[in-house]
Structures are given as structure tokens and as C-alpha cells.
C-alpha atoms as a PDB file:
ATOM      1  CA  MET A   1       0.000   0.000   0.000  1.00  0.00           C
ATOM      2  CA  SER A   2       2.718   2.472   1.046  1.00  0.00           C
ATOM      3  CA  SER A   3       4.849   1.580  -1.993  1.00  0.00           C
ATOM      4  CA  SER A   4       1.956   2.221  -4.367  1.00  0.00           C
ATOM      5  CA  THR A   5       1.178   5.551  -2.745  1.00  0.00           C
ATOM      6  CA  GLY A   6       4.788   6.701  -2.951  1.00  0.00           C
ATOM      7  CA  SER A   7       4.875   6.048  -6.741  1.00  0.00           C
ATOM      8  CA  SER A   8       1.691   8.018  -7.218  1.00  0.00           C
ATOM      9  CA  ASP A   9       3.001  11.013  -5.276  1.00  0.00           C
ATOM     10  CA  SER A  10       6.291  11.194  -7.195  1.00  0.00           C
ATOM     11  CA  ALA A  11       4.727  11.121 -10.706  1.00  0.00           C
ATOM     12  CA  PRO A  12       3.737  14.795 -11.031  1.00  0.00           C
ATOM     13  CA  PRO A  13       7.162  16.228 -10.080  1.00  0.00           C
ATOM     14  CA  ALA A  14       8.842  13.938 -12.607  1.00  0.00           C
ATOM     15  CA  ALA A  15       6.521  15.042 -15.432  1.00  0.00           C
ATOM     16  CA  ALA A  16       7.090  18.668 -14.522  1.00  0.00           C
ATOM     17  CA  GLY A  17      10.822  18.128 -14.642  1.00  0.00           C
ATOM     18  CA  VAL A  18      10.630  16.667 -18.140  1.00  0.00           C
ATOM     19  CA  ARG A  19       8.622  19.649 -19.371  1.00  0.00           C
ATOM     20  CA  LEU A  20      11.110  22.059 -17.794  1.00  0.00           C
ATOM     21  CA  VAL A  21      14.028  20.359 -19.536  1.00  0.00           C
ATOM     22  CA  ARG A  22      12.237  20.532 -22.901  1.00  0.00           C
ATOM     23  CA  MET A  23      11.468  24.228 -22.467  1.00  0.00           C
ATOM     24  CA  ARG A  24      15.091  25.045 -21.622  1.00  0.00           C
ATOM     25  CA  ARG A  25      16.304  23.047 -24.636  1.00  0.00           C
ATOM     26  CA  GLN A  26      13.910  24.910 -26.982  1.00  0.00           C
ATOM     27  CA  ALA A  27      15.068  28.259 -25.567  1.00  0.00           C
ATOM     28  CA  ARG A  28      18.716  27.384 -26.193  1.00  0.00           C
ATOM     29  CA  LEU A  29      17.899  26.312 -29.782  1.00  0.00           C
ATOM     30  CA  ARG A  30      16.144  29.622 -30.452  1.00  0.00           C
ATOM     31  CA  ARG A  31      19.114  31.604 -29.155  1.00  0.00           C
ATOM     32  CA  TRP A  32      21.518  29.553 -31.304  1.00  0.00           C
ATOM     33  CA  GLY A  33      19.313  30.145 -34.357  1.00  0.00           C
ATOM     34  CA  VAL A  34      19.306  33.899 -33.818  1.00  0.00           C
ATOM     35  CA  TRP A  35      23.115  34.038 -33.335  1.00  0.00           C
ATOM     36  CA  ALA A  36      23.607  31.928 -36.452  1.00  0.00           C
ATOM     37  CA  ALA A  37      21.321  34.219 -38.413  1.00  0.00           C
ATOM     38  CA  LEU A  38      23.247  37.273 -37.265  1.00  0.00           C
ATOM     39  CA  ALA A  39      26.461  35.633 -38.407  1.00  0.00           C
ATOM     40  CA  CYS A  40      25.025  34.840 -41.851  1.00  0.00           C
ATOM     41  CA  GLY A  41      23.639  38.299 -42.534  1.00  0.00           C
ATOM     42  CA  PRO A  42      20.370  40.245 -42.508  1.00  0.00           C
ATOM     43  CA  LEU A  43      18.617  37.915 -44.974  1.00  0.00           C
ATOM     44  CA  ALA A  44      19.130  34.891 -42.761  1.00  0.00           C
ATOM     45  CA  LEU A  45      17.938  36.900 -39.767  1.00  0.00           C
ATOM     46  CA  ALA A  46      14.727  37.700 -41.600  1.00  0.00           C
ATOM     47  CA  VAL A  47      14.235  34.040 -42.446  1.00  0.00           C
ATOM     48  CA  ALA A  48      14.904  33.007 -38.855  1.00  0.00           C
ATOM     49  CA  SER A  49      12.233  35.418 -37.628  1.00  0.00           C
ATOM     50  CA  LEU A  50       9.495  33.865 -39.829  1.00  0.00           C
ATOM     51  CA  PRO A  51       6.850  31.817 -37.966  1.00  0.00           C
ATOM     52  CA  SER A  52       7.161  28.068 -38.049  1.00  0.00           C
ATOM     53  CA  ALA A  53       5.013  25.990 -40.394  1.00  0.00           C
ATOM     54  CA  ALA A  54       3.084  24.630 -37.441  1.00  0.00           C
ATOM     55  CA  ALA A  55       2.045  28.107 -36.295  1.00  0.00           C
ATOM     56  CA  PRO A  56      -1.299  29.314 -37.665  1.00  0.00           C
ATOM     57  CA  ALA A  57      -0.935  32.059 -40.272  1.00  0.00           C
ATOM     58  CA  ALA A  58      -2.532  35.369 -39.429  1.00  0.00           C
ATOM     59  CA  ALA A  59      -5.506  36.218 -41.605  1.00  0.00           C
ATOM     60  CA  THR A  60      -4.674  38.859 -44.207  1.00  0.00           C
ATOM     61  CA  PRO A  61      -7.483  41.376 -44.649  1.00  0.00           C
ATOM     62  CA  ALA A  62      -8.836  41.586 -48.175  1.00  0.00           C
ATOM     63  CA  PRO A  63      -7.944  44.791 -50.006  1.00  0.00           C
ATOM     64  CA  SER A  64     -10.733  47.299 -49.945  1.00  0.00           C
ATOM     65  CA  SER A  65     -12.052  48.505 -53.262  1.00  0.00           C
ATOM     66  CA  GLY A  66     -13.138  51.769 -51.721  1.00  0.00           C
ATOM     67  CA  THR A  67     -16.748  51.205 -52.833  1.00  0.00           C
ATOM     68  CA  VAL A  68     -19.436  50.221 -50.344  1.00  0.00           C
ATOM     69  CA  ARG A  69     -22.194  48.240 -52.040  1.00  0.00           C
ATOM     70  CA  THR A  70     -25.626  48.678 -50.533  1.00  0.00           C
ATOM     71  CA  PRO A  71     -28.049  45.857 -51.396  1.00  0.00           C
ATOM     72  CA  VAL A  72     -31.088  47.054 -53.315  1.00  0.00           C
ATOM     73  CA  ALA A  73     -34.480  45.746 -52.258  1.00  0.00           C
ATOM     74  CA  ALA A  74     -36.268  43.339 -54.576  1.00  0.00           C
ATOM     75  CA  ASP A  75     -38.630  45.007 -57.050  1.00  0.00           C
ATOM     76  CA  PRO A  76     -42.164  44.655 -55.588  1.00  0.00           C
ATOM     77  CA  SER A  77     -44.049  45.228 -58.876  1.00  0.00           C
ATOM     78  CA  GLY A  78     -45.941  41.938 -58.690  1.00  0.00           C
ATOM     79  CA  TYR A  79     -46.999  42.625 -55.114  1.00  0.00           C
ATOM     80  CA  ALA A  80     -48.331  46.050 -56.136  1.00  0.00           C
ATOM     81  CA  GLU A  81     -50.304  44.473 -58.998  1.00  0.00           C
ATOM     82  CA  LEU A  82     -51.853  41.904 -56.669  1.00  0.00           C
ATOM     83  CA  PHE A  83     -52.820  44.475 -54.050  1.00  0.00           C
ATOM     84  CA  LEU A  84     -54.271  47.003 -56.502  1.00  0.00           C
ATOM     85  CA  THR A  85     -56.373  44.351 -58.261  1.00  0.00           C
ATOM     86  CA  ALA A  86     -57.889  43.195 -54.958  1.00  0.00           C
ATOM     87  CA  TRP A  87     -58.311  46.787 -53.724  1.00  0.00           C
ATOM     88  CA  LEU A  88     -60.191  47.963 -56.831  1.00  0.00           C
ATOM     89  CA  ARG A  89     -62.469  44.917 -56.721  1.00  0.00           C
ATOM     90  CA  SER A  90     -63.273  45.334 -53.032  1.00  0.00           C
ATOM     91  CA  SER A  91     -65.768  47.493 -51.174  1.00  0.00           C
ATOM     92  CA  ALA A  92     -65.930  48.863 -47.647  1.00  0.00           C
ATOM     93  CA  VAL A  93     -69.606  47.900 -47.651  1.00  0.00           C
ATOM     94  CA  ASP A  94     -68.681  44.213 -47.814  1.00  0.00           C
ATOM     95  CA  GLU A  95     -65.466  43.804 -45.843  1.00  0.00           C
ATOM     96  CA  ASN A  96     -65.950  40.035 -45.671  1.00  0.00           C
ATOM     97  CA  SER A  97     -65.732  39.499 -49.429  1.00  0.00           C
ATOM     98  CA  ALA A  98     -62.740  37.567 -50.732  1.00  0.00           C
ATOM     99  CA  GLN A  99     -61.282  40.604 -52.506  1.00  0.00           C
ATOM    100  CA  ALA A 100     -61.715  42.851 -49.465  1.00  0.00           C
ATOM    101  CA  ARG A 101     -60.079  40.320 -47.163  1.00  0.00           C
ATOM    102  CA  LEU A 102     -57.157  39.962 -49.579  1.00  0.00           C
ATOM    103  CA  ALA A 103     -56.685  43.731 -49.843  1.00  0.00           C
ATOM    104  CA  GLN A 104     -56.778  44.089 -46.050  1.00  0.00           C
ATOM    105  CA  ALA A 105     -54.325  41.224 -45.622  1.00  0.00           C
ATOM    106  CA  LEU A 106     -51.875  42.858 -48.021  1.00  0.00           C
ATOM    107  CA  ALA A 107     -52.295  46.376 -46.605  1.00  0.00           C
ATOM    108  CA  PRO A 108     -54.092  46.428 -43.224  1.00  0.00           C
ATOM    109  CA  SER A 109     -53.740  50.202 -42.776  1.00  0.00           C
ATOM    110  CA  VAL A 110     -55.178  51.157 -46.190  1.00  0.00           C
ATOM    111  CA  PRO A 111     -58.939  51.894 -46.220  1.00  0.00           C
ATOM    112  CA  LEU A 112     -61.129  50.125 -48.762  1.00  0.00           C
ATOM    113  CA  PRO A 113     -62.949  52.042 -51.536  1.00  0.00           C
ATOM    114  CA  GLN A 114     -66.695  52.701 -51.375  1.00  0.00           C
ATOM    115  CA  PRO A 115     -68.062  52.343 -54.918  1.00  0.00           C
ATOM    116  CA  THR A 116     -71.644  53.437 -55.630  1.00  0.00           C
ATOM    117  CA  GLY A 117     -73.689  52.352 -58.620  1.00  0.00           C
ATOM    118  CA  ALA A 118     -72.397  50.462 -61.622  1.00  0.00           C
ATOM    119  CA  GLN A 119     -68.614  50.347 -61.945  1.00  0.00           C
ATOM    120  CA  SER A 120     -66.412  49.457 -64.895  1.00  0.00           C
ATOM    121  CA  VAL A 121     -65.324  45.844 -64.762  1.00  0.00           C
ATOM    122  CA  LEU A 122     -61.606  45.528 -64.142  1.00  0.00           C
ATOM    123  CA  ASP A 123     -59.870  43.360 -66.745  1.00  0.00           C
ATOM    124  CA  ARG A 124     -56.192  43.357 -65.713  1.00  0.00           C
ATOM    125  CA  ALA A 125     -53.555  45.278 -63.784  1.00  0.00           C
ATOM    126  CA  ILE A 126     -49.961  45.453 -65.029  1.00  0.00           C
ATOM    127  CA  ALA A 127     -46.994  47.255 -63.446  1.00  0.00           C
ATOM    128  CA  VAL A 128     -45.403  49.567 -66.026  1.00  0.00           C
ATOM    129  CA  ARG A 129     -42.829  51.417 -63.917  1.00  0.00           C
ATOM    130  CA  SER A 130     -41.122  50.990 -60.549  1.00  0.00           C
ATOM    131  CA  ALA A 131     -38.920  53.607 -58.895  1.00  0.00           C
ATOM    132  CA  HIS A 132     -36.663  52.794 -55.952  1.00  0.00           C
ATOM    133  CA  ARG A 133     -36.546  55.765 -53.571  1.00  0.00           C
ATOM    134  CA  GLY A 134     -33.989  54.337 -51.132  1.00  0.00           C
ATOM    135  CA  GLY A 135     -34.339  52.558 -47.826  1.00  0.00           C
ATOM    136  CA  GLY A 136     -36.457  49.816 -49.386  1.00  0.00           C
ATOM    137  CA  GLN A 137     -39.133  52.335 -50.430  1.00  0.00           C
ATOM    138  CA  TRP A 138     -40.637  51.843 -53.899  1.00  0.00           C
ATOM    139  CA  LEU A 139     -43.274  53.658 -55.909  1.00  0.00           C
ATOM    140  CA  VAL A 140     -44.843  51.277 -58.422  1.00  0.00           C
ATOM    141  CA  THR A 141     -46.988  52.622 -61.261  1.00  0.00           C
ATOM    142  CA  VAL A 142     -49.654  50.113 -62.272  1.00  0.00           C
ATOM    143  CA  ALA A 143     -51.766  50.319 -65.429  1.00  0.00           C
ATOM    144  CA  VAL A 144     -55.346  49.116 -64.969  1.00  0.00           C
ATOM    145  CA  GLN A 145     -57.324  48.096 -68.034  1.00  0.00           C
ATOM    146  CA  TYR A 146     -61.108  47.820 -67.795  1.00  0.00           C
ATOM    147  CA  ALA A 147     -63.535  45.786 -69.880  1.00  0.00           C
ATOM    148  CA  ASP A 148     -64.588  48.936 -71.764  1.00  0.00           C
ATOM    149  CA  VAL A 149     -60.930  49.290 -72.914  1.00  0.00           C
ATOM    150  CA  SER A 150     -60.328  52.378 -70.773  1.00  0.00           C
ATOM    151  CA  VAL A 151     -56.981  52.531 -68.949  1.00  0.00           C
ATOM    152  CA  ARG A 152     -56.084  54.223 -65.668  1.00  0.00           C
ATOM    153  CA  TYR A 153     -52.755  54.455 -63.876  1.00  0.00           C
ATOM    154  CA  TYR A 154     -52.188  54.218 -60.126  1.00  0.00           C
ATOM    155  CA  ALA A 155     -49.057  54.795 -58.046  1.00  0.00           C
ATOM    156  CA  VAL A 156     -48.708  52.290 -55.185  1.00  0.00           C
ATOM    157  CA  PRO A 157     -46.160  52.933 -52.389  1.00  0.00           C
ATOM    158  CA  VAL A 158     -44.509  49.692 -51.283  1.00  0.00           C
ATOM    159  CA  LEU A 159     -41.811  48.868 -48.739  1.00  0.00           C
ATOM    160  CA  ALA A 160     -39.640  45.833 -49.589  1.00  0.00           C
ATOM    161  CA  ASP A 161     -36.661  44.242 -47.892  1.00  0.00           C
ATOM    162  CA  ALA A 162     -33.469  43.378 -49.770  1.00  0.00           C
ATOM    163  CA  SER A 163     -34.192  39.637 -49.886  1.00  0.00           C
ATOM    164  CA  GLY A 164     -37.689  40.019 -51.307  1.00  0.00           C
ATOM    165  CA  GLY A 165     -39.083  38.054 -48.403  1.00  0.00           C
ATOM    166  CA  SER A 166     -41.368  40.756 -47.008  1.00  0.00           C
ATOM    167  CA  TYR A 167     -43.433  43.578 -48.504  1.00  0.00           C
ATOM    168  CA  ALA A 168     -45.841  46.166 -47.161  1.00  0.00           C
ATOM    169  CA  VAL A 169     -48.111  48.672 -48.890  1.00  0.00           C
ATOM    170  CA  THR A 170     -47.485  51.844 -46.910  1.00  0.00           C
ATOM    171  CA  GLY A 171     -50.350  53.992 -48.200  1.00  0.00           C
ATOM    172  CA  ALA A 172     -53.429  54.182 -50.384  1.00  0.00           C
ATOM    173  CA  PRO A 173     -52.945  54.150 -54.171  1.00  0.00           C
ATOM    174  CA  GLY A 174     -53.020  57.429 -56.052  1.00  0.00           C
ATOM    175  CA  GLN A 175     -54.293  57.884 -59.600  1.00  0.00           C
ATOM    176  CA  VAL A 176     -51.576  59.420 -61.781  1.00  0.00           C
ATOM    177  CA  ALA A 177     -50.891  60.219 -65.425  1.00  0.00           C
ATOM    178  CA  GLY A 178     -49.545  57.411 -67.545  1.00  0.00           C
ATOM    179  CA  PRO A 179     -46.125  57.269 -69.218  1.00  0.00           C
ATOM    180  CA  VAL A 180     -45.652  59.495 -72.255  1.00  0.00           C
ATOM    181  CA  LEU A 181     -45.425  57.743 -75.611  1.00  0.00           C
ATOM    182  CA  ALA A 182     -41.787  57.761 -76.689  1.00  0.00           C
ATOM    183  CA  LYS A 183     -40.774  58.840 -80.170  1.00  0.00           C
ATOM    184  CA  ALA A 184     -39.310  55.949 -82.113  1.00  0.00           C
ATOM    185  CA  PRO A 185     -35.753  56.535 -83.374  1.00  0.00           C
ATOM    186  CA  GLU A 186     -35.062  56.797 -87.066  1.00  0.00           C
ATOM    187  CA  SER A 187     -34.639  53.387 -88.645  1.00  0.00           C
ATOM    188  CA  ALA A 188     -31.127  52.254 -89.532  1.00  0.00           C
ATOM    189  CA  TYR A 189     -32.539  50.239 -92.433  1.00  0.00           C
ATOM    190  CA  LYS A 190     -32.492  52.884 -95.176  1.00  0.00           C
ATOM    191  CA  VAL A 191     -31.795  50.818 -98.310  1.00  0.00           C
ATOM    192  CA  ALA A 192     -35.062  49.630 -99.855  1.00  0.00           C
ATOM    193  CA  LEU A 193     -34.816  46.176-101.414  1.00  0.00           C
ATOM    194  CA  ALA A 194     -36.476  45.037-104.619  1.00  0.00           C
ATOM    195  CA  PRO A 195     -39.210  42.492-103.816  1.00  0.00           C
ATOM    196  CA  ARG A 196     -38.092  40.145-106.612  1.00  0.00           C
ATOM    197  CA  GLY A 197     -34.340  40.267-105.988  1.00  0.00           C
ATOM    198  CA  ALA A 198     -32.208  37.290-104.983  1.00  0.00           C
ATOM    199  CA  LEU A 199     -31.758  38.582-101.414  1.00  0.00           C
ATOM    200  CA  VAL A 200     -35.463  39.075-100.710  1.00  0.00           C
ATOM    201  CA  GLY A 201     -36.209  35.768-102.422  1.00  0.00           C
ATOM    202  CA  THR A 202     -33.858  33.945-100.040  1.00  0.00           C
ATOM    203  CA  VAL A 203     -35.400  35.710 -97.051  1.00  0.00           C
ATOM    204  CA  ALA A 204     -38.939  34.810 -98.150  1.00  0.00           C
ATOM    205  CA  GLU A 205     -38.065  31.138 -98.769  1.00  0.00           C
ATOM    206  CA  PHE A 206     -36.256  30.905 -95.450  1.00  0.00           C
ATOM    207  CA  LEU A 207     -39.150  32.431 -93.473  1.00  0.00           C
ATOM    208  CA  ARG A 208     -41.683  30.294 -95.315  1.00  0.00           C
ATOM    209  CA  ALA A 209     -39.841  27.136 -94.301  1.00  0.00           C
ATOM    210  CA  TYR A 210     -39.353  28.395 -90.758  1.00  0.00           C
ATOM    211  CA  LEU A 211     -42.928  29.597 -90.099  1.00  0.00           C
ATOM    212  CA  THR A 212     -44.890  26.884 -91.890  1.00  0.00           C
ATOM    213  CA  GLY A 213     -42.648  23.968 -90.951  1.00  0.00           C
ATOM    214  CA  LEU A 214     -42.681  22.878 -94.599  1.00  0.00           C
ATOM    215  CA  GLY A 215     -39.306  22.624 -96.235  1.00  0.00           C
ATOM    216  CA  GLU A 216     -35.747  22.409 -94.951  1.00  0.00           C
ATOM    217  CA  VAL A 217     -34.666  25.436 -92.939  1.00  0.00           C
ATOM    218  CA  ASP A 218     -31.014  24.398 -92.670  1.00  0.00           C
ATOM    219  CA  ARG A 219     -30.447  24.772 -96.388  1.00  0.00           C
ATOM    220  CA  TYR A 220     -30.750  28.556 -95.977  1.00  0.00           C
ATOM    221  CA  LEU A 221     -28.365  28.807 -93.004  1.00  0.00           C
ATOM    222  CA  ALA A 222     -24.654  29.605 -93.066  1.00  0.00           C
ATOM    223  CA  PRO A 223     -22.283  26.712 -92.215  1.00  0.00           C
ATOM    224  CA  GLY A 224     -22.123  25.889 -88.517  1.00  0.00           C
ATOM    225  CA  MET A 225     -25.470  27.521 -87.664  1.00  0.00           C
ATOM    226  CA  HIS A 226     -28.601  25.809 -86.349  1.00  0.00           C
ATOM    227  CA  LEU A 227     -32.066  27.309 -85.857  1.00  0.00           C
ATOM    228  CA  LEU A 228     -34.447  25.904 -83.239  1.00  0.00           C
ATOM    229  CA  ALA A 229     -37.744  24.995 -84.854  1.00  0.00           C
ATOM    230  CA  LEU A 230     -41.060  26.623 -83.956  1.00  0.00           C
ATOM    231  CA  VAL A 231     -43.421  24.561 -81.820  1.00  0.00           C
ATOM    232  CA  ASP A 232     -47.008  24.007 -83.007  1.00  0.00           C
ATOM    233  CA  THR A 233     -46.749  26.459 -85.893  1.00  0.00           C
ATOM    234  CA  SER A 234     -50.034  26.975 -87.748  1.00  0.00           C
ATOM    235  CA  TYR A 235     -49.012  29.311 -90.571  1.00  0.00           C
ATOM    236  CA  THR A 236     -49.768  28.126 -94.068  1.00  0.00           C
ATOM    237  CA  ASP A 237     -48.057  30.806 -96.185  1.00  0.00           C
ATOM    238  CA  LEU A 238     -46.630  34.325 -96.114  1.00  0.00           C
ATOM    239  CA  GLN A 239     -46.051  37.348 -98.299  1.00  0.00           C
ATOM    240  CA  VAL A 240     -43.207  39.886 -98.039  1.00  0.00           C
ATOM    241  CA  GLU A 241     -44.698  43.362 -97.584  1.00  0.00           C
ATOM    242  CA  GLN A 242     -41.507  45.394 -97.212  1.00  0.00           C
ATOM    243  CA  ALA A 243     -37.764  44.752 -96.936  1.00  0.00           C
ATOM    244  CA  ALA A 244     -34.862  47.107 -96.231  1.00  0.00           C
ATOM    245  CA  ALA A 245     -31.161  46.815 -95.389  1.00  0.00           C
ATOM    246  CA  MET A 246     -28.463  48.853 -93.663  1.00  0.00           C
ATOM    247  CA  GLU A 247     -25.797  48.379 -96.326  1.00  0.00           C
ATOM    248  CA  GLU A 248     -25.848  49.519 -99.957  1.00  0.00           C
ATOM    249  CA  ALA A 249     -24.435  46.150-101.020  1.00  0.00           C
ATOM    250  CA  ALA A 250     -27.798  44.554-100.276  1.00  0.00           C
ATOM    251  CA  GLY A 251     -29.441  46.552-103.059  1.00  0.00           C
ATOM    252  CA  ALA A 252     -26.828  45.805-105.711  1.00  0.00           C
ATOM    253  CA  GLN A 253     -27.730  43.943-108.879  1.00  0.00           C
ATOM    254  CA  GLY A 254     -26.745  40.310-108.713  1.00  0.00           C
ATOM    255  CA  ILE A 255     -24.965  38.674-105.771  1.00  0.00           C
ATOM    256  CA  PRO A 256     -21.849  40.396-104.349  1.00  0.00           C
ATOM    257  CA  ALA A 257     -18.511  38.668-103.695  1.00  0.00           C
ATOM    258  CA  ASP A 258     -18.312  35.889-101.124  1.00  0.00           C
ATOM    259  CA  GLY A 259     -18.122  37.136 -97.546  1.00  0.00           C
ATOM    260  CA  THR A 260     -20.344  40.180 -98.093  1.00  0.00           C
ATOM    261  CA  ARG A 261     -22.463  40.681 -94.999  1.00  0.00           C
ATOM    262  CA  VAL A 262     -25.682  42.712 -94.805  1.00  0.00           C
ATOM    263  CA  HIS A 263     -28.312  43.408 -92.128  1.00  0.00           C
ATOM    264  CA  VAL A 264     -31.924  43.140 -93.263  1.00  0.00           C
ATOM    265  CA  ARG A 265     -35.306  43.926 -91.746  1.00  0.00           C
ATOM    266  CA  VAL A 266     -38.356  42.398 -93.400  1.00  0.00           C
ATOM    267  CA  GLN A 267     -42.062  43.026 -92.820  1.00  0.00           C
ATOM    268  CA  ILE A 268     -44.288  40.107 -93.813  1.00  0.00           C
ATOM    269  CA  LYS A 269     -47.933  39.091 -93.684  1.00  0.00           C
ATOM    270  CA  ALA A 270     -48.264  35.519 -92.446  1.00  0.00           C
ATOM    271  CA  ARG A 271     -51.501  33.624 -92.912  1.00  0.00           C
ATOM    272  CA  ASP A 272     -53.152  30.835 -90.955  1.00  0.00           C
ATOM    273  CA  ARG A 273     -56.725  29.563 -90.584  1.00  0.00           C
ATOM    274  CA  ALA A 274     -57.577  32.402 -88.199  1.00  0.00           C
ATOM    275  CA  GLY A 275     -56.500  35.198 -90.555  1.00  0.00           C
ATOM    276  CA  SER A 276     -53.372  37.147 -91.505  1.00  0.00           C
ATOM    277  CA  TRP A 277     -50.759  38.563 -89.121  1.00  0.00           C
ATOM    278  CA  PRO A 278     -48.199  41.318 -89.748  1.00  0.00           C
ATOM    279  CA  LEU A 279     -44.818  40.095 -88.469  1.00  0.00           C
ATOM    280  CA  ALA A 280     -41.343  41.644 -88.625  1.00  0.00           C
ATOM    281  CA  TYR A 281     -37.905  39.989 -88.512  1.00  0.00           C
ATOM    282  CA  GLU A 282     -34.312  41.185 -88.437  1.00  0.00           C
ATOM    283  CA  MET A 283     -31.505  39.018 -89.742  1.00  0.00           C
ATOM    284  CA  THR A 284     -27.996  39.046 -91.138  1.00  0.00           C
ATOM    285  CA  LEU A 285     -27.173  37.432 -94.456  1.00  0.00           C
ATOM    286  CA  THR A 286     -23.741  36.570 -95.871  1.00  0.00           C
ATOM    287  CA  THR A 287     -22.746  35.555 -99.378  1.00  0.00           C
ATOM    288  CA  ARG A 288     -21.041  32.219-100.010  1.00  0.00           C
ATOM    289  CA  ALA A 289     -20.673  30.275-103.258  1.00  0.00           C
ATOM    290  CA  ALA A 290     -22.666  32.921-105.149  1.00  0.00           C
ATOM    291  CA  ARG A 291     -25.714  32.671-102.865  1.00  0.00           C
ATOM    292  CA  TRP A 292     -27.138  34.398 -99.790  1.00  0.00           C
ATOM    293  CA  GLU A 293     -27.177  32.524 -96.465  1.00  0.00           C
ATOM    294  CA  VAL A 294     -28.685  33.481 -93.094  1.00  0.00           C
ATOM    295  CA  SER A 295     -25.853  33.934 -90.587  1.00  0.00           C
ATOM    296  CA  ALA A 296     -27.800  35.623 -87.745  1.00  0.00           C
ATOM    297  CA  PHE A 297     -31.488  35.747 -86.847  1.00  0.00           C
ATOM    298  CA  ALA A 298     -32.289  38.405 -84.232  1.00  0.00           C
ATOM    299  CA  THR A 299     -35.831  37.306 -83.460  1.00  0.00           C
ATOM    300  CA  ALA A 300     -35.205  33.605 -82.798  1.00  0.00           C
ATOM    301  CA  SER A 301     -32.739  31.144 -81.275  1.00  0.00           C
ATOM    302  CA  LEU A 302     -29.870  30.753 -83.740  1.00  0.00           C
ATOM    303  CA  GLN A 303     -27.079  28.628 -82.292  1.00  0.00           C
ATOM    304  CA  ALA A 304     -23.618  27.548 -83.363  1.00  0.00           C
ATOM    305  CA  GLY A 305     -23.296  23.882 -84.233  1.00  0.00           C
ATOM    306  CA  GLY A 306     -25.256  21.836 -86.697  1.00  0.00           C
ATOM    307  CA  GLY A 307     -26.576  23.186 -89.969  1.00  0.00           C
ATOM    308  CA  ARG A 308     -25.080  22.504 -93.362  1.00  0.00           C
ATOM    309  CA  SER A 309     -21.400  22.251 -94.117  1.00  0.00           C
END
């Protein structure tokens, strides 16, 4: 018993002695390293002062760009449309109606309208403009079309957080003037094209194959190009109404030298069983082997890969 107890009591001092010896040895090694570095020059001293591989490296702060980016709240246009539709279809006389309950749920602090007599039937509400005023505050302009084809515009104040997870209508809508009709810029397609020329003929044949689904579209495409086909097309035929190009080479007699590239805009009238439809397309055509080929189609999905070689 006494022998066992004596061994237990002497264990801690022995362990402490071992640690003390190790610490003194490490201190002597550090001093020798520093003296050796001094003897070898400043470069070695700098190397000796570097932290060991086992020591954790201090985190280096990322360089600042000098620009603080403030997250912009998600555009609440859809929320404004939903609220305004329910609000216009509700009435303070019947606060338990589905539309009134929806409007109150979306904007509890906004009073309901009190319509009297026959009202125009609301057809649809579409947001046409949204302005961010800072601090998550938005003013959304919503166009409301009625069954009698009349249109009114309302401004709806909405508060939205940056994640788009919460919205709040902060006040009653206000009827405002609608956006002003913008003046269309002058067309860049100034060269009128002859309706019976080779270029317009290629365009017409290409669009006829593309819109009707009859014929091979790829035969009109430049090498390496592929055009995704229309789904459930119902057109039976078309007629070119007007065609114009940006470049003078498009209006030249005959077909220009290989590699000539022109940009064309064509107005057509496409026909199906329901009637005729005015459609417009922009495309780029390039000459190769004394013929015109479609090398870009702005109004559809033209992809590299596939097509003719």
C-alpha cells in the first residue's frame, strides 16, 4: 500500500521536470538560431524570424475597393399588382368578401374604396414602372385596363426588404398620369430592297420554311449555324410586304462577292386559318458560293453547331 502511494506522489514532479528540460532546450535552440542568423547576414535573420510551419498564419485582410455596395431591395411590382387588383375589386360595404379580405391582408392600414352604382369591370392590372426611392421604399406605377378598354394608372407605395421576403403597402394608391409615348428613333434600315431580288427571295423562302414547318430550314443557313424549330406552328403561307437593309451592297444587282455581310429587316404578312398577321424579322445574311445565307437571326434562337457544311 505504502509503496503504491509513494509512486503516485512522485509522478507529477517527474513530469514537470521533463517539461522544464524541454522548455530550456527549446530556448537554447532559439538563441543559437538567432546568433547563427546574425552571423550569416540580414537575410538569414529575416528568415529566422518567420513563424514556423506549425504556427497558424494570421488572416490577411482583403484589399478594400473603396466602394461600399448597398443591397437594393427586390422590385415589388408583382406585389403592387396583386394588391391594386384586390383593392379595386373590393368594397368597404362588404369587408368580408374575398377581394376585401385579400386587400386588407396585403395592406391592413389602407382603407377600402366605397363604390356606388355600376362600376367598370376591371380586366387586368400590369406594373409599367417601378422607382426605388432608397431605404427599401418603392413607388410602383400600375396600369389598370377595364372591360370597356379604358386605362387608368395608379401609383402604389410599397416597402420591400433586400431579400424580397417581405413587402408592405405603406399607403393608399393614387391615380396618376400614364407614361408618355416615346418617339421611335429613325430606322437604320435605309436601303429599300427590290421584292423580286435574290436577297429578298432567299429571305422569303427561309421564313416560309421556318414559319410553316414545310421545307428544310437548314439549307438557308450559313455553315455551322442551327435554328431551333417553332413549336405548333399553324401558318400556311406568307407574303413579303416590305424589306430594307443597312448596307448599300444589299441593293446591288446580282450577288456580291463571297463574304459580303448585310443586315436586313423584313415586314411580312403571315396567314393561318384564323386570318393574316403582320410580323417583322431582323436578320444578317452573308454571301457564299454565289448565294445568300442566313448567318444571324435576331428574333429567334440561332445557335452555333449543326446546320449545313
